[in-house]
Amino acid sequence: MTKTQLNEQLRNYYLPKLIGMLQDENDVYRIASNKIAIPVVDEERNEKWVTFTVSVPTDETFDGFTEAQFYAEKVKAKIEREAERKAAAVAKQKEAEAKRANNKT
């Protein structure tokens, strides 16, 4: 069997499993050989679609464990930057309030 056929076999195994899990709560539409879509409604009652793509990476060096670790580090760094930004904004606001208080006296 070719690599392409093996990958297709994996997709054809996992895609129906994903469809089965989602069908309990949603209508599921297959929109491509490796892609499904479900209709959803956001909290403001707007109709939207969520899509799922099942793929098998062809890059021989792909490592899901490493990718997950990189993603976790990226999320952590983003949270830290946001906390620093908020702390700087609070400090700037306190500084401005202190200036206003000094100007009133």
PDB file of N, CA and C in Angstrom:
ATOM      1  N   MET A   1       0.835  -1.181   0.000  1.00  0.00           N
ATOM      2  CA  MET A   1       0.000   0.000   0.000  1.00  0.00           C
ATOM      3  C   MET A   1       0.881   1.246   0.000  1.00  0.00           C
ATOM      4  N   THR A   2       0.469   2.289  -0.713  1.00  0.00           N
ATOM      5  CA  THR A   2       1.247   3.528  -0.741  1.00  0.00           C
ATOM      6  C   THR A   2       0.983   4.329   0.529  1.00  0.00           C
ATOM      7  N   LYS A   3       1.845   5.311   0.798  1.00  0.00           N
ATOM      8  CA  LYS A   3       1.663   6.183   1.955  1.00  0.00           C
ATOM      9  C   LYS A   3       0.338   6.930   1.856  1.00  0.00           C
ATOM     10  N   THR A   4      -0.002   7.368   0.667  1.00  0.00           N
ATOM     11  CA  THR A   4      -1.260   8.083   0.459  1.00  0.00           C
ATOM     12  C   THR A   4      -2.447   7.192   0.802  1.00  0.00           C
ATOM     13  N   GLN A   5      -2.399   5.956   0.372  1.00  0.00           N
ATOM     14  CA  GLN A   5      -3.484   5.019   0.667  1.00  0.00           C
ATOM     15  C   GLN A   5      -3.581   4.731   2.161  1.00  0.00           C
ATOM     16  N   LEU A   6      -2.430   4.610   2.811  1.00  0.00           N
ATOM     17  CA  LEU A   6      -2.422   4.377   4.258  1.00  0.00           C
ATOM     18  C   LEU A   6      -3.016   5.569   5.006  1.00  0.00           C
ATOM     19  N   ASN A   7      -2.650   6.777   4.580  1.00  0.00           N
ATOM     20  CA  ASN A   7      -3.197   7.979   5.212  1.00  0.00           C
ATOM     21  C   ASN A   7      -4.704   8.082   4.979  1.00  0.00           C
ATOM     22  N   GLU A   8      -5.131   7.757   3.771  1.00  0.00           N
ATOM     23  CA  GLU A   8      -6.565   7.791   3.461  1.00  0.00           C
ATOM     24  C   GLU A   8      -7.321   6.772   4.317  1.00  0.00           C
ATOM     25  N   GLN A   9      -6.712   5.640   4.527  1.00  0.00           N
ATOM     26  CA  GLN A   9      -7.319   4.603   5.355  1.00  0.00           C
ATOM     27  C   GLN A   9      -7.491   5.115   6.798  1.00  0.00           C
ATOM     28  N   LEU A  10      -6.491   5.806   7.319  1.00  0.00           N
ATOM     29  CA  LEU A  10      -6.598   6.384   8.666  1.00  0.00           C
ATOM     30  C   LEU A  10      -7.708   7.430   8.735  1.00  0.00           C
ATOM     31  N   ARG A  11      -7.749   8.322   7.749  1.00  0.00           N
ATOM     32  CA  ARG A  11      -8.813   9.343   7.715  1.00  0.00           C
ATOM     33  C   ARG A  11     -10.183   8.679   7.659  1.00  0.00           C
ATOM     34  N   ASN A  12     -10.311   7.668   6.828  1.00  0.00           N
ATOM     35  CA  ASN A  12     -11.586   6.977   6.670  1.00  0.00           C
ATOM     36  C   ASN A  12     -11.985   6.198   7.921  1.00  0.00           C
ATOM     37  N   TYR A  13     -11.031   5.909   8.780  1.00  0.00           N
ATOM     38  CA  TYR A  13     -11.330   5.249  10.050  1.00  0.00           C
ATOM     39  C   TYR A  13     -11.788   6.264  11.097  1.00  0.00           C
ATOM     40  N   TYR A  14     -11.066   7.395  11.189  1.00  0.00           N
ATOM     41  CA  TYR A  14     -11.340   8.362  12.251  1.00  0.00           C
ATOM     42  C   TYR A  14     -12.463   9.334  11.936  1.00  0.00           C
ATOM     43  N   LEU A  15     -12.672   9.675  10.695  1.00  0.00           N
ATOM     44  CA  LEU A  15     -13.730  10.630  10.360  1.00  0.00           C
ATOM     45  C   LEU A  15     -15.116  10.128  10.786  1.00  0.00           C
ATOM     46  N   PRO A  16     -15.485   8.888  10.502  1.00  0.00           N
ATOM     47  CA  PRO A  16     -16.792   8.408  10.980  1.00  0.00           C
ATOM     48  C   PRO A  16     -16.908   8.398  12.506  1.00  0.00           C
ATOM     49  N   LYS A  17     -15.805   8.146  13.204  1.00  0.00           N
ATOM     50  CA  LYS A  17     -15.829   8.200  14.668  1.00  0.00           C
ATOM     51  C   LYS A  17     -16.151   9.622  15.139  1.00  0.00           C
ATOM     52  N   LEU A  18     -15.515  10.600  14.515  1.00  0.00           N
ATOM     53  CA  LEU A  18     -15.778  12.001  14.854  1.00  0.00           C
ATOM     54  C   LEU A  18     -17.223  12.362  14.535  1.00  0.00           C
ATOM     55  N   ILE A  19     -17.705  11.937  13.378  1.00  0.00           N
ATOM     56  CA  ILE A  19     -19.098  12.192  12.993  1.00  0.00           C
ATOM     57  C   ILE A  19     -20.040  11.580  14.027  1.00  0.00           C
ATOM     58  N   GLY A  20     -19.760  10.358  14.435  1.00  0.00           N
ATOM     59  CA  GLY A  20     -20.599   9.690  15.427  1.00  0.00           C
ATOM     60  C   GLY A  20     -20.663  10.442  16.743  1.00  0.00           C
ATOM     61  N   MET A  21     -19.530  10.964  17.194  1.00  0.00           N
ATOM     62  CA  MET A  21     -19.515  11.728  18.446  1.00  0.00           C
ATOM     63  C   MET A  21     -20.331  13.006  18.322  1.00  0.00           C
ATOM     64  N   LEU A  22     -20.234  13.672  17.194  1.00  0.00           N
ATOM     65  CA  LEU A  22     -20.911  14.952  17.016  1.00  0.00           C
ATOM     66  C   LEU A  22     -22.396  14.794  16.720  1.00  0.00           C
ATOM     67  N   GLN A  23     -22.796  13.673  16.123  1.00  0.00           N
ATOM     68  CA  GLN A  23     -24.190  13.480  15.740  1.00  0.00           C
ATOM     69  C   GLN A  23     -25.126  13.402  16.938  1.00  0.00           C
ATOM     70  N   ASP A  24     -24.602  13.103  18.114  1.00  0.00           N
ATOM     71  CA  ASP A  24     -25.450  13.040  19.304  1.00  0.00           C
ATOM     72  C   ASP A  24     -26.104  14.385  19.605  1.00  0.00           C
ATOM     73  N   GLU A  25     -25.412  15.479  19.272  1.00  0.00           N
ATOM     74  CA  GLU A  25     -25.918  16.807  19.598  1.00  0.00           C
ATOM     75  C   GLU A  25     -26.155  17.701  18.382  1.00  0.00           C
ATOM     76  N   ASN A  26     -25.678  17.319  17.219  1.00  0.00           N
ATOM     77  CA  ASN A  26     -25.714  18.204  16.053  1.00  0.00           C
ATOM     78  C   ASN A  26     -26.035  17.437  14.775  1.00  0.00           C
ATOM     79  N   ASP A  27     -26.515  18.202  13.790  1.00  0.00           N
ATOM     80  CA  ASP A  27     -26.537  17.682  12.429  1.00  0.00           C
ATOM     81  C   ASP A  27     -25.108  17.792  11.923  1.00  0.00           C
ATOM     82  N   VAL A  28     -24.630  16.773  11.257  1.00  0.00           N
ATOM     83  CA  VAL A  28     -23.259  16.765  10.752  1.00  0.00           C
ATOM     84  C   VAL A  28     -23.307  16.590   9.245  1.00  0.00           C
ATOM     85  N   TYR A  29     -22.585  17.459   8.537  1.00  0.00           N
ATOM     86  CA  TYR A  29     -22.563  17.419   7.078  1.00  0.00           C
ATOM     87  C   TYR A  29     -21.140  17.173   6.610  1.00  0.00           C
ATOM     88  N   ARG A  30     -20.969  16.180   5.763  1.00  0.00           N
ATOM     89  CA  ARG A  30     -19.655  15.923   5.186  1.00  0.00           C
ATOM     90  C   ARG A  30     -19.518  16.832   3.976  1.00  0.00           C
ATOM     91  N   ILE A  31     -18.505  17.689   3.992  1.00  0.00           N
ATOM     92  CA  ILE A  31     -18.360  18.684   2.933  1.00  0.00           C
ATOM     93  C   ILE A  31     -17.135  18.447   2.054  1.00  0.00           C
ATOM     94  N   ALA A  32     -16.338  17.469   2.404  1.00  0.00           N
ATOM     95  CA  ALA A  32     -15.183  17.060   1.596  1.00  0.00           C
ATOM     96  C   ALA A  32     -14.778  15.669   2.063  1.00  0.00           C
ATOM     97  N   SER A  33     -13.818  15.076   1.386  1.00  0.00           N
ATOM     98  CA  SER A  33     -13.438  13.713   1.757  1.00  0.00           C
ATOM     99  C   SER A  33     -12.883  13.632   3.172  1.00  0.00           C
ATOM    100  N   ASN A  34     -12.322  14.736   3.654  1.00  0.00           N
ATOM    101  CA  ASN A  34     -11.733  14.736   4.993  1.00  0.00           C
ATOM    102  C   ASN A  34     -12.274  15.856   5.874  1.00  0.00           C
ATOM    103  N   LYS A  35     -13.462  16.404   5.531  1.00  0.00           N
ATOM    104  CA  LYS A  35     -13.942  17.583   6.240  1.00  0.00           C
ATOM    105  C   LYS A  35     -15.443  17.479   6.509  1.00  0.00           C
ATOM    106  N   ILE A  36     -15.831  17.886   7.728  1.00  0.00           N
ATOM    107  CA  ILE A  36     -17.246  17.921   8.090  1.00  0.00           C
ATOM    108  C   ILE A  36     -17.583  19.298   8.639  1.00  0.00           C
ATOM    109  N   ALA A  37     -18.872  19.614   8.647  1.00  0.00           N
ATOM    110  CA  ALA A  37     -19.330  20.901   9.168  1.00  0.00           C
ATOM    111  C   ALA A  37     -20.581  20.665  10.001  1.00  0.00           C
ATOM    112  N   ILE A  38     -20.725  21.475  11.052  1.00  0.00           N
ATOM    113  CA  ILE A  38     -21.936  21.420  11.868  1.00  0.00           C
ATOM    114  C   ILE A  38     -22.495  22.826  12.009  1.00  0.00           C
ATOM    115  N   PRO A  39     -23.825  22.963  11.916  1.00  0.00           N
ATOM    116  CA  PRO A  39     -24.430  24.272  12.144  1.00  0.00           C
ATOM    117  C   PRO A  39     -24.511  24.541  13.645  1.00  0.00           C
ATOM    118  N   VAL A  40     -24.206  25.768  14.030  1.00  0.00           N
ATOM    119  CA  VAL A  40     -24.229  26.159  15.441  1.00  0.00           C
ATOM    120  C   VAL A  40     -24.848  27.544  15.565  1.00  0.00           C
ATOM    121  N   VAL A  41     -25.156  27.922  16.790  1.00  0.00           N
ATOM    122  CA  VAL A  41     -25.693  29.247  17.080  1.00  0.00           C
ATOM    123  C   VAL A  41     -24.849  29.833  18.200  1.00  0.00           C
ATOM    124  N   ASP A  42     -24.351  31.069  18.006  1.00  0.00           N
ATOM    125  CA  ASP A  42     -23.550  31.689  19.059  1.00  0.00           C
ATOM    126  C   ASP A  42     -24.457  32.272  20.139  1.00  0.00           C
ATOM    127  N   GLU A  43     -23.872  32.869  21.165  1.00  0.00           N
ATOM    128  CA  GLU A  43     -24.670  33.332  22.292  1.00  0.00           C
ATOM    129  C   GLU A  43     -25.589  34.503  21.946  1.00  0.00           C
ATOM    130  N   GLU A  44     -25.356  35.139  20.807  1.00  0.00           N
ATOM    131  CA  GLU A  44     -26.258  36.204  20.355  1.00  0.00           C
ATOM    132  C   GLU A  44     -27.274  35.683  19.339  1.00  0.00           C
ATOM    133  N   ARG A  45     -27.375  34.373  19.240  1.00  0.00           N
ATOM    134  CA  ARG A  45     -28.342  33.697  18.372  1.00  0.00           C
ATOM    135  C   ARG A  45     -28.026  33.841  16.879  1.00  0.00           C
ATOM    136  N   ASN A  46     -26.780  34.117  16.539  1.00  0.00           N
ATOM    137  CA  ASN A  46     -26.353  34.177  15.141  1.00  0.00           C
ATOM    138  C   ASN A  46     -26.022  32.773  14.670  1.00  0.00           C
ATOM    139  N   GLU A  47     -26.518  32.407  13.500  1.00  0.00           N
ATOM    140  CA  GLU A  47     -26.217  31.088  12.949  1.00  0.00           C
ATOM    141  C   GLU A  47     -24.815  31.092  12.344  1.00  0.00           C
ATOM    142  N   LYS A  48     -24.038  30.084  12.673  1.00  0.00           N
ATOM    143  CA  LYS A  48     -22.653  29.942  12.203  1.00  0.00           C
ATOM    144  C   LYS A  48     -22.407  28.483  11.835  1.00  0.00           C
ATOM    145  N   TRP A  49     -21.214  28.205  11.343  1.00  0.00           N
ATOM    146  CA  TRP A  49     -20.780  26.842  11.043  1.00  0.00           C
ATOM    147  C   TRP A  49     -19.434  26.601  11.709  1.00  0.00           C
ATOM    148  N   VAL A  50     -19.241  25.403  12.200  1.00  0.00           N
ATOM    149  CA  VAL A  50     -17.944  24.966  12.703  1.00  0.00           C
ATOM    150  C   VAL A  50     -17.511  23.814  11.800  1.00  0.00           C
ATOM    151  N   THR A  51     -16.275  23.865  11.345  1.00  0.00           N
ATOM    152  CA  THR A  51     -15.764  22.797  10.479  1.00  0.00           C
ATOM    153  C   THR A  51     -14.641  22.040  11.180  1.00  0.00           C
ATOM    154  N   PHE A  52     -14.518  20.791  10.822  1.00  0.00           N
ATOM    155  CA  PHE A  52     -13.465  19.918  11.338  1.00  0.00           C
ATOM    156  C   PHE A  52     -12.795  19.257  10.143  1.00  0.00           C
ATOM    157  N   THR A  53     -11.487  19.291  10.136  1.00  0.00           N
ATOM    158  CA  THR A  53     -10.728  18.645   9.072  1.00  0.00           C
ATOM    159  C   THR A  53      -9.876  17.545   9.687  1.00  0.00           C
ATOM    160  N   VAL A  54      -9.983  16.361   9.135  1.00  0.00           N
ATOM    161  CA  VAL A  54      -9.179  15.235   9.593  1.00  0.00           C
ATOM    162  C   VAL A  54      -8.053  15.050   8.586  1.00  0.00           C
ATOM    163  N   SER A  55      -6.828  15.220   9.062  1.00  0.00           N
ATOM    164  CA  SER A  55      -5.692  15.061   8.164  1.00  0.00           C
ATOM    165  C   SER A  55      -4.595  14.262   8.849  1.00  0.00           C
ATOM    166  N   VAL A  56      -3.796  13.631   8.045  1.00  0.00           N
ATOM    167  CA  VAL A  56      -2.639  12.891   8.526  1.00  0.00           C
ATOM    168  C   VAL A  56      -1.418  13.634   7.987  1.00  0.00           C
ATOM    169  N   PRO A  57      -0.649  14.268   8.869  1.00  0.00           N
ATOM    170  CA  PRO A  57       0.518  15.017   8.390  1.00  0.00           C
ATOM    171  C   PRO A  57       1.471  14.115   7.602  1.00  0.00           C
ATOM    172  N   THR A  58       1.919  14.639   6.483  1.00  0.00           N
ATOM    173  CA  THR A  58       2.839  13.859   5.643  1.00  0.00           C
ATOM    174  C   THR A  58       4.298  14.162   5.958  1.00  0.00           C
ATOM    175  N   ASP A  59       4.523  15.201   6.742  1.00  0.00           N
ATOM    176  CA  ASP A  59       5.886  15.548   7.146  1.00  0.00           C
ATOM    177  C   ASP A  59       6.400  14.477   8.102  1.00  0.00           C
ATOM    178  N   GLU A  60       7.446  13.791   7.712  1.00  0.00           N
ATOM    179  CA  GLU A  60       7.998  12.689   8.510  1.00  0.00           C
ATOM    180  C   GLU A  60       8.493  13.157   9.879  1.00  0.00           C
ATOM    181  N   THR A  61       8.810  14.445  10.001  1.00  0.00           N
ATOM    182  CA  THR A  61       9.345  14.936  11.268  1.00  0.00           C
ATOM    183  C   THR A  61       8.252  15.430  12.214  1.00  0.00           C
ATOM    184  N   PHE A  62       6.977  15.382  11.784  1.00  0.00           N
ATOM    185  CA  PHE A  62       5.889  15.837  12.636  1.00  0.00           C
ATOM    186  C   PHE A  62       5.832  14.990  13.898  1.00  0.00           C
ATOM    187  N   ASP A  63       5.713  15.664  15.044  1.00  0.00           N
ATOM    188  CA  ASP A  63       5.596  14.979  16.334  1.00  0.00           C
ATOM    189  C   ASP A  63       4.512  15.697  17.136  1.00  0.00           C
ATOM    190  N   GLY A  64       3.381  15.060  17.305  1.00  0.00           N
ATOM    191  CA  GLY A  64       2.249  15.667  18.005  1.00  0.00           C
ATOM    192  C   GLY A  64       2.573  16.054  19.429  1.00  0.00           C
ATOM    193  N   PHE A  65       3.406  15.275  20.114  1.00  0.00           N
ATOM    194  CA  PHE A  65       3.781  15.610  21.490  1.00  0.00           C
ATOM    195  C   PHE A  65       4.545  16.926  21.535  1.00  0.00           C
ATOM    196  N   THR A  66       5.495  17.082  20.623  1.00  0.00           N
ATOM    197  CA  THR A  66       6.294  18.309  20.555  1.00  0.00           C
ATOM    198  C   THR A  66       5.413  19.492  20.162  1.00  0.00           C
ATOM    199  N   GLU A  67       4.527  19.285  19.196  1.00  0.00           N
ATOM    200  CA  GLU A  67       3.615  20.351  18.773  1.00  0.00           C
ATOM    201  C   GLU A  67       2.729  20.802  19.935  1.00  0.00           C
ATOM    202  N   ALA A  68       2.246  19.852  20.721  1.00  0.00           N
ATOM    203  CA  ALA A  68       1.411  20.185  21.877  1.00  0.00           C
ATOM    204  C   ALA A  68       2.208  20.983  22.900  1.00  0.00           C
ATOM    205  N   GLN A  69       3.461  20.620  23.110  1.00  0.00           N
ATOM    206  CA  GLN A  69       4.316  21.343  24.058  1.00  0.00           C
ATOM    207  C   GLN A  69       4.572  22.766  23.562  1.00  0.00           C
ATOM    208  N   PHE A  70       4.880  22.919  22.275  1.00  0.00           N
ATOM    209  CA  PHE A  70       5.092  24.251  21.707  1.00  0.00           C
ATOM    210  C   PHE A  70       3.838  25.103  21.857  1.00  0.00           C
ATOM    211  N   TYR A  71       2.685  24.520  21.593  1.00  0.00           N
ATOM    212  CA  TYR A  71       1.432  25.262  21.702  1.00  0.00           C
ATOM    213  C   TYR A  71       1.173  25.683  23.150  1.00  0.00           C
ATOM    214  N   ALA A  72       1.412  24.787  24.103  1.00  0.00           N
ATOM    215  CA  ALA A  72       1.213  25.115  25.520  1.00  0.00           C
ATOM    216  C   ALA A  72       2.129  26.269  25.935  1.00  0.00           C
ATOM    217  N   GLU A  73       3.367  26.244  25.461  1.00  0.00           N
ATOM    218  CA  GLU A  73       4.313  27.325  25.774  1.00  0.00           C
ATOM    219  C   GLU A  73       3.855  28.638  25.144  1.00  0.00           C
ATOM    220  N   LYS A  74       3.343  28.573  23.933  1.00  0.00           N
ATOM    221  CA  LYS A  74       2.855  29.765  23.237  1.00  0.00           C
ATOM    222  C   LYS A  74       1.672  30.375  23.988  1.00  0.00           C
ATOM    223  N   VAL A  75       0.745  29.535  24.438  1.00  0.00           N
ATOM    224  CA  VAL A  75      -0.416  30.010  25.192  1.00  0.00           C
ATOM    225  C   VAL A  75       0.027  30.632  26.509  1.00  0.00           C
ATOM    226  N   LYS A  76       0.956  29.985  27.195  1.00  0.00           N
ATOM    227  CA  LYS A  76       1.460  30.501  28.465  1.00  0.00           C
ATOM    228  C   LYS A  76       2.108  31.874  28.270  1.00  0.00           C
ATOM    229  N   ALA A  77       2.916  32.007  27.224  1.00  0.00           N
ATOM    230  CA  ALA A  77       3.575  33.287  26.944  1.00  0.00           C
ATOM    231  C   ALA A  77       2.542  34.369  26.627  1.00  0.00           C
ATOM    232  N   LYS A  78       1.503  34.019  25.897  1.00  0.00           N
ATOM    233  CA  LYS A  78       0.457  34.979  25.566  1.00  0.00           C
ATOM    234  C   LYS A  78      -0.263  35.447  26.835  1.00  0.00           C
ATOM    235  N   ILE A  79      -0.560  34.517  27.725  1.00  0.00           N
ATOM    236  CA  ILE A  79      -1.214  34.863  28.997  1.00  0.00           C
ATOM    237  C   ILE A  79      -0.323  35.778  29.824  1.00  0.00           C
ATOM    238  N   GLU A  80       0.961  35.480  29.859  1.00  0.00           N
ATOM    239  CA  GLU A  80       1.904  36.307  30.612  1.00  0.00           C
ATOM    240  C   GLU A  80       1.995  37.717  30.021  1.00  0.00           C
ATOM    241  N   ARG A  81       2.045  37.809  28.685  1.00  0.00           N
ATOM    242  CA  ARG A  81       2.099  39.135  28.043  1.00  0.00           C
ATOM    243  C   ARG A  81       0.834  39.929  28.347  1.00  0.00           C
ATOM    244  N   GLU A  82      -0.311  39.265  28.318  1.00  0.00           N
ATOM    245  CA  GLU A  82      -1.579  39.935  28.608  1.00  0.00           C
ATOM    246  C   GLU A  82      -1.612  40.415  30.056  1.00  0.00           C
ATOM    247  N   ALA A  83      -1.116  39.601  30.983  1.00  0.00           N
ATOM    248  CA  ALA A  83      -1.068  40.003  32.387  1.00  0.00           C
ATOM    249  C   ALA A  83      -0.139  41.205  32.570  1.00  0.00           C
ATOM    250  N   GLU A  84       0.996  41.199  31.877  1.00  0.00           N
ATOM    251  CA  GLU A  84       1.930  42.336  31.952  1.00  0.00           C
ATOM    252  C   GLU A  84       1.290  43.601  31.372  1.00  0.00           C
ATOM    253  N   ARG A  85       0.566  43.431  30.260  1.00  0.00           N
ATOM    254  CA  ARG A  85      -0.098  44.576  29.637  1.00  0.00           C
ATOM    255  C   ARG A  85      -1.150  45.169  30.579  1.00  0.00           C
ATOM    256  N   LYS A  86      -1.928  44.307  31.205  1.00  0.00           N
ATOM    257  CA  LYS A  86      -2.952  44.770  32.140  1.00  0.00           C
ATOM    258  C   LYS A  86      -2.325  45.441  33.357  1.00  0.00           C
ATOM    259  N   ALA A  87      -1.242  44.877  33.878  1.00  0.00           N
ATOM    260  CA  ALA A  87      -0.557  45.463  35.024  1.00  0.00           C
ATOM    261  C   ALA A  87      -0.005  46.841  34.664  1.00  0.00           C
ATOM    262  N   ALA A  88       0.547  46.977  33.470  1.00  0.00           N
ATOM    263  CA  ALA A  88       1.066  48.270  33.023  1.00  0.00           C
ATOM    264  C   ALA A  88      -0.063  49.283  32.876  1.00  0.00           C
ATOM    265  N   ALA A  89      -1.212  48.844  32.368  1.00  0.00           N
ATOM    266  CA  ALA A  89      -2.356  49.743  32.219  1.00  0.00           C
ATOM    267  C   ALA A  89      -2.868  50.200  33.577  1.00  0.00           C
ATOM    268  N   VAL A  90      -2.915  49.290  34.536  1.00  0.00           N
ATOM    269  CA  VAL A  90      -3.363  49.645  35.888  1.00  0.00           C
ATOM    270  C   VAL A  90      -2.378  50.624  36.517  1.00  0.00           C
ATOM    271  N   ALA A  91      -1.086  50.373  36.352  1.00  0.00           N
ATOM    272  CA  ALA A  91      -0.070  51.270  36.910  1.00  0.00           C
ATOM    273  C   ALA A  91      -0.173  52.644  36.277  1.00  0.00           C
ATOM    274  N   LYS A  92      -0.391  52.693  34.966  1.00  0.00           N
ATOM    275  CA  LYS A  92      -0.516  53.974  34.271  1.00  0.00           C
ATOM    276  C   LYS A  92      -1.748  54.730  34.765  1.00  0.00           C
ATOM    277  N   GLN A  93      -2.841  54.009  34.976  1.00  0.00           N
ATOM    278  CA  GLN A  93      -4.071  54.638  35.457  1.00  0.00           C
ATOM    279  C   GLN A  93      -3.872  55.183  36.871  1.00  0.00           C
ATOM    280  N   LYS A  94      -3.214  54.425  37.740  1.00  0.00           N
ATOM    281  CA  LYS A  94      -2.950  54.883  39.108  1.00  0.00           C
ATOM    282  C   LYS A  94      -2.049  56.116  39.092  1.00  0.00           C
ATOM    283  N   GLU A  95      -1.088  56.111  38.197  1.00  0.00           N
ATOM    284  CA  GLU A  95      -0.172  57.258  38.071  1.00  0.00           C
ATOM    285  C   GLU A  95      -0.951  58.500  37.635  1.00  0.00           C
ATOM    286  N   ALA A  96      -1.844  58.343  36.684  1.00  0.00           N
ATOM    287  CA  ALA A  96      -2.660  59.464  36.213  1.00  0.00           C
ATOM    288  C   ALA A  96      -3.571  59.972  37.324  1.00  0.00           C
ATOM    289  N   GLU A  97      -4.154  59.065  38.094  1.00  0.00           N
ATOM    290  CA  GLU A  97      -5.013  59.472  39.214  1.00  0.00           C
ATOM    291  C   GLU A  97      -4.214  60.211  40.271  1.00  0.00           C
ATOM    292  N   ALA A  98      -3.004  59.754  40.527  1.00  0.00           N
ATOM    293  CA  ALA A  98      -2.147  60.413  41.508  1.00  0.00           C
ATOM    294  C   ALA A  98      -1.780  61.813  41.032  1.00  0.00           C
ATOM    295  N   LYS A  99      -1.506  61.972  39.742  1.00  0.00           N
ATOM    296  CA  LYS A  99      -1.200  63.287  39.184  1.00  0.00           C
ATOM    297  C   LYS A  99      -2.382  64.235  39.343  1.00  0.00           C
ATOM    298  N   ARG A 100      -3.573  63.718  39.031  1.00  0.00           N
ATOM    299  CA  ARG A 100      -4.796  64.539  39.172  1.00  0.00           C
ATOM    300  C   ARG A 100      -4.986  64.947  40.614  1.00  0.00           C
ATOM    301  N   ALA A 101      -4.736  64.042  41.533  1.00  0.00           N
ATOM    302  CA  ALA A 101      -4.911  64.335  42.970  1.00  0.00           C
ATOM    303  C   ALA A 101      -3.894  65.390  43.399  1.00  0.00           C
ATOM    304  N   ASN A 102      -2.681  65.322  42.899  1.00  0.00           N
ATOM    305  CA  ASN A 102      -1.649  66.314  43.243  1.00  0.00           C
ATOM    306  C   ASN A 102      -1.983  67.676  42.646  1.00  0.00           C
ATOM    307  N   ASN A 103      -2.572  67.682  41.469  1.00  0.00           N
ATOM    308  CA  ASN A 103      -2.917  68.953  40.810  1.00  0.00           C
ATOM    309  C   ASN A 103      -4.064  69.658  41.523  1.00  0.00           C
ATOM    310  N   LYS A 104      -4.915  68.917  42.229  1.00  0.00           N
ATOM    311  CA  LYS A 104      -6.062  69.510  42.936  1.00  0.00           C
ATOM    312  C   LYS A 104      -5.614  70.180  44.236  1.00  0.00           C
ATOM    313  N   THR A 105      -4.485  69.779  44.765  1.00  0.00           N
ATOM    314  CA  THR A 105      -4.051  70.358  46.046  1.00  0.00           C
ATOM    315  C   THR A 105      -3.189  71.560  45.876  1.00  0.00           C
TER     316      THR A 105
END
